[in-house]
Amino acid sequence: MILPAGFLIEVNEIKTEEASLTGESDAIEKDTLENCMKKAILQREINGNKVITNKHLIASPLLLSGTEVSEGSGWYVDLRVGYLSEKGKIKAQVEAESNKGKQKKL
């Protein structure tokens, strides 16, 4: 299933394929916002209150528009669709760049 943008409210071992947006070839683990916050607080306590820089250490609660669920199931809330989604923003940037090239040729 190709997703609109949203965040997870209930999760059963979800992983997503985000290569269409990020180029990331590995499936990305997802979790609810509540669980992600708990894990982030725990990791900061373990690491002496240092900012966590390993992006895969804590799952993300966000589902990016245009990505696909590769494993698991759950419920989520749509945040952005169409031109407001990440894919929509990328499309708008590509179209703007394309139009600049056309204007220069004239």
C-alpha atoms as a PDB file:
ATOM      1  CA  MET A   1       0.000   0.000   0.000  1.00  0.00           C
ATOM      2  CA  ILE A   2       1.390   3.411  -0.953  1.00  0.00           C
ATOM      3  CA  LEU A   3       0.849   5.828   1.908  1.00  0.00           C
ATOM      4  CA  PRO A   4      -0.194   9.450   2.293  1.00  0.00           C
ATOM      5  CA  ALA A   5       1.744  11.339   4.981  1.00  0.00           C
ATOM      6  CA  GLY A   6       0.732  10.587   8.549  1.00  0.00           C
ATOM      7  CA  PHE A   7       1.781   9.492  12.008  1.00  0.00           C
ATOM      8  CA  LEU A   8       1.160   6.183  13.727  1.00  0.00           C
ATOM      9  CA  ILE A   9      -1.249   5.815  16.609  1.00  0.00           C
ATOM     10  CA  GLU A  10      -1.234   1.998  16.831  1.00  0.00           C
ATOM     11  CA  VAL A  11       1.525  -0.321  15.585  1.00  0.00           C
ATOM     12  CA  ASN A  12       2.076  -4.018  15.014  1.00  0.00           C
ATOM     13  CA  GLU A  13       5.761  -4.265  13.956  1.00  0.00           C
ATOM     14  CA  ILE A  14       5.589  -1.867  11.008  1.00  0.00           C
ATOM     15  CA  LYS A  15       8.510  -1.305   8.638  1.00  0.00           C
ATOM     16  CA  THR A  16       8.394   0.904   5.571  1.00  0.00           C
ATOM     17  CA  GLU A  17      10.333   1.151   2.327  1.00  0.00           C
ATOM     18  CA  GLU A  18      11.348   4.816   1.889  1.00  0.00           C
ATOM     19  CA  ALA A  19      13.692   4.456  -1.094  1.00  0.00           C
ATOM     20  CA  SER A  20      11.315   6.409  -3.360  1.00  0.00           C
ATOM     21  CA  LEU A  21      11.962   9.540  -1.243  1.00  0.00           C
ATOM     22  CA  THR A  22      15.202   9.065   0.656  1.00  0.00           C
ATOM     23  CA  GLY A  23      17.141   6.473  -1.333  1.00  0.00           C
ATOM     24  CA  GLU A  24      17.380   4.417   1.872  1.00  0.00           C
ATOM     25  CA  SER A  25      17.530   0.756   0.824  1.00  0.00           C
ATOM     26  CA  ASP A  26      16.809  -0.745   4.267  1.00  0.00           C
ATOM     27  CA  ALA A  27      13.288  -1.125   5.631  1.00  0.00           C
ATOM     28  CA  ILE A  28      12.717   1.530   8.305  1.00  0.00           C
ATOM     29  CA  GLU A  29      11.185   0.551  11.656  1.00  0.00           C
ATOM     30  CA  LYS A  30       8.162   2.593  12.737  1.00  0.00           C
ATOM     31  CA  ASP A  31       6.444   2.991  16.102  1.00  0.00           C
ATOM     32  CA  THR A  32       3.843   5.196  17.778  1.00  0.00           C
ATOM     33  CA  LEU A  33       4.783   8.735  18.818  1.00  0.00           C
ATOM     34  CA  GLU A  34       4.333   7.782  22.481  1.00  0.00           C
ATOM     35  CA  ASN A  35       6.740   4.820  22.200  1.00  0.00           C
ATOM     36  CA  CYS A  36       9.269   6.863  20.222  1.00  0.00           C
ATOM     37  CA  MET A  37       9.288   9.567  22.913  1.00  0.00           C
ATOM     38  CA  LYS A  38       9.776   6.979  25.673  1.00  0.00           C
ATOM     39  CA  LYS A  39      12.688   5.410  23.769  1.00  0.00           C
ATOM     40  CA  ALA A  40      14.257   8.822  23.102  1.00  0.00           C
ATOM     41  CA  ILE A  41      14.113   9.761  26.800  1.00  0.00           C
ATOM     42  CA  LEU A  42      15.607   6.406  27.788  1.00  0.00           C
ATOM     43  CA  GLN A  43      18.432   6.721  25.230  1.00  0.00           C
ATOM     44  CA  ARG A  44      19.268  10.243  26.419  1.00  0.00           C
ATOM     45  CA  GLU A  45      19.429   8.975  30.014  1.00  0.00           C
ATOM     46  CA  ILE A  46      21.708   6.111  28.950  1.00  0.00           C
ATOM     47  CA  ASN A  47      23.953   8.458  26.931  1.00  0.00           C
ATOM     48  CA  GLY A  48      24.352  11.118  29.632  1.00  0.00           C
ATOM     49  CA  ASN A  49      21.750  13.505  28.129  1.00  0.00           C
ATOM     50  CA  LYS A  50      23.615  13.690  24.787  1.00  0.00           C
ATOM     51  CA  VAL A  51      21.623  14.259  21.612  1.00  0.00           C
ATOM     52  CA  ILE A  52      21.050  11.021  19.719  1.00  0.00           C
ATOM     53  CA  THR A  53      22.606  11.183  16.254  1.00  0.00           C
ATOM     54  CA  ASN A  54      21.974   7.607  15.082  1.00  0.00           C
ATOM     55  CA  LYS A  55      18.731   7.982  13.125  1.00  0.00           C
ATOM     56  CA  HIS A  56      17.971   4.237  13.299  1.00  0.00           C
ATOM     57  CA  LEU A  57      18.391   3.933  17.076  1.00  0.00           C
ATOM     58  CA  ILE A  58      14.840   5.149  17.672  1.00  0.00           C
ATOM     59  CA  ALA A  59      11.972   4.304  15.347  1.00  0.00           C
ATOM     60  CA  SER A  60      10.055   7.108  13.684  1.00  0.00           C
ATOM     61  CA  PRO A  61       6.301   7.636  14.151  1.00  0.00           C
ATOM     62  CA  LEU A  62       6.000   9.335  10.748  1.00  0.00           C
ATOM     63  CA  LEU A  63       4.800   7.761   7.542  1.00  0.00           C
ATOM     64  CA  LEU A  64       6.138   9.639   4.537  1.00  0.00           C
ATOM     65  CA  SER A  65       3.912  10.201   1.526  1.00  0.00           C
ATOM     66  CA  GLY A  66       4.654   7.839  -1.344  1.00  0.00           C
ATOM     67  CA  THR A  67       6.432   5.218   0.765  1.00  0.00           C
ATOM     68  CA  GLU A  68       5.194   1.654   1.242  1.00  0.00           C
ATOM     69  CA  VAL A  69       4.586  -0.583   4.238  1.00  0.00           C
ATOM     70  CA  SER A  70       6.775  -3.670   3.812  1.00  0.00           C
ATOM     71  CA  GLU A  71       5.908  -5.406   7.104  1.00  0.00           C
ATOM     72  CA  GLY A  72       3.344  -5.195   9.889  1.00  0.00           C
ATOM     73  CA  SER A  73       0.088  -3.336  10.330  1.00  0.00           C
ATOM     74  CA  GLY A  74      -1.378  -0.482  12.311  1.00  0.00           C
ATOM     75  CA  TRP A  75      -3.475   2.680  12.382  1.00  0.00           C
ATOM     76  CA  TYR A  76      -2.365   6.187  11.489  1.00  0.00           C
ATOM     77  CA  VAL A  77      -3.669   9.723  11.119  1.00  0.00           C
ATOM     78  CA  ASP A  78      -3.223  11.524   7.781  1.00  0.00           C
ATOM     79  CA  LEU A  79      -1.263  14.748   8.151  1.00  0.00           C
ATOM     80  CA  ARG A  80      -0.718  15.999   4.637  1.00  0.00           C
ATOM     81  CA  VAL A  81      -1.909  14.978   1.218  1.00  0.00           C
ATOM     82  CA  GLY A  82      -1.383  16.245  -2.316  1.00  0.00           C
ATOM     83  CA  TYR A  83       0.913  19.236  -2.773  1.00  0.00           C
ATOM     84  CA  LEU A  84       1.388  19.563   1.019  1.00  0.00           C
ATOM     85  CA  SER A  85       2.990  16.094   1.284  1.00  0.00           C
ATOM     86  CA  GLU A  86       6.753  15.513   0.951  1.00  0.00           C
ATOM     87  CA  LYS A  87       6.237  13.969  -2.484  1.00  0.00           C
ATOM     88  CA  GLY A  88       4.076  16.949  -3.468  1.00  0.00           C
ATOM     89  CA  LYS A  89       6.825  19.355  -2.358  1.00  0.00           C
ATOM     90  CA  ILE A  90       9.422  17.446  -4.375  1.00  0.00           C
ATOM     91  CA  LYS A  91       7.149  17.518  -7.430  1.00  0.00           C
ATOM     92  CA  ALA A  92       6.690  21.289  -7.054  1.00  0.00           C
ATOM     93  CA  GLN A  93      10.470  21.809  -6.830  1.00  0.00           C
ATOM     94  CA  VAL A  94      11.071  19.685  -9.942  1.00  0.00           C
ATOM     95  CA  GLU A  95       8.395  21.585 -11.854  1.00  0.00           C
ATOM     96  CA  ALA A  96       9.839  24.945 -10.746  1.00  0.00           C
ATOM     97  CA  GLU A  97      13.329  23.911 -11.893  1.00  0.00           C
ATOM     98  CA  SER A  98      11.910  22.670 -15.182  1.00  0.00           C
ATOM     99  CA  ASN A  99      10.097  25.965 -15.747  1.00  0.00           C
ATOM    100  CA  LYS A 100      13.303  27.936 -15.038  1.00  0.00           C
ATOM    101  CA  GLY A 101      15.093  25.943 -17.737  1.00  0.00           C
ATOM    102  CA  LYS A 102      12.284  26.663 -20.231  1.00  0.00           C
ATOM    103  CA  GLN A 103      12.360  30.403 -19.468  1.00  0.00           C
ATOM    104  CA  LYS A 104      16.125  30.573 -20.055  1.00  0.00           C
ATOM    105  CA  LYS A 105      15.728  28.979 -23.495  1.00  0.00           C
ATOM    106  CA  LEU A 106      13.234  31.632 -24.596  1.00  0.00           C
END
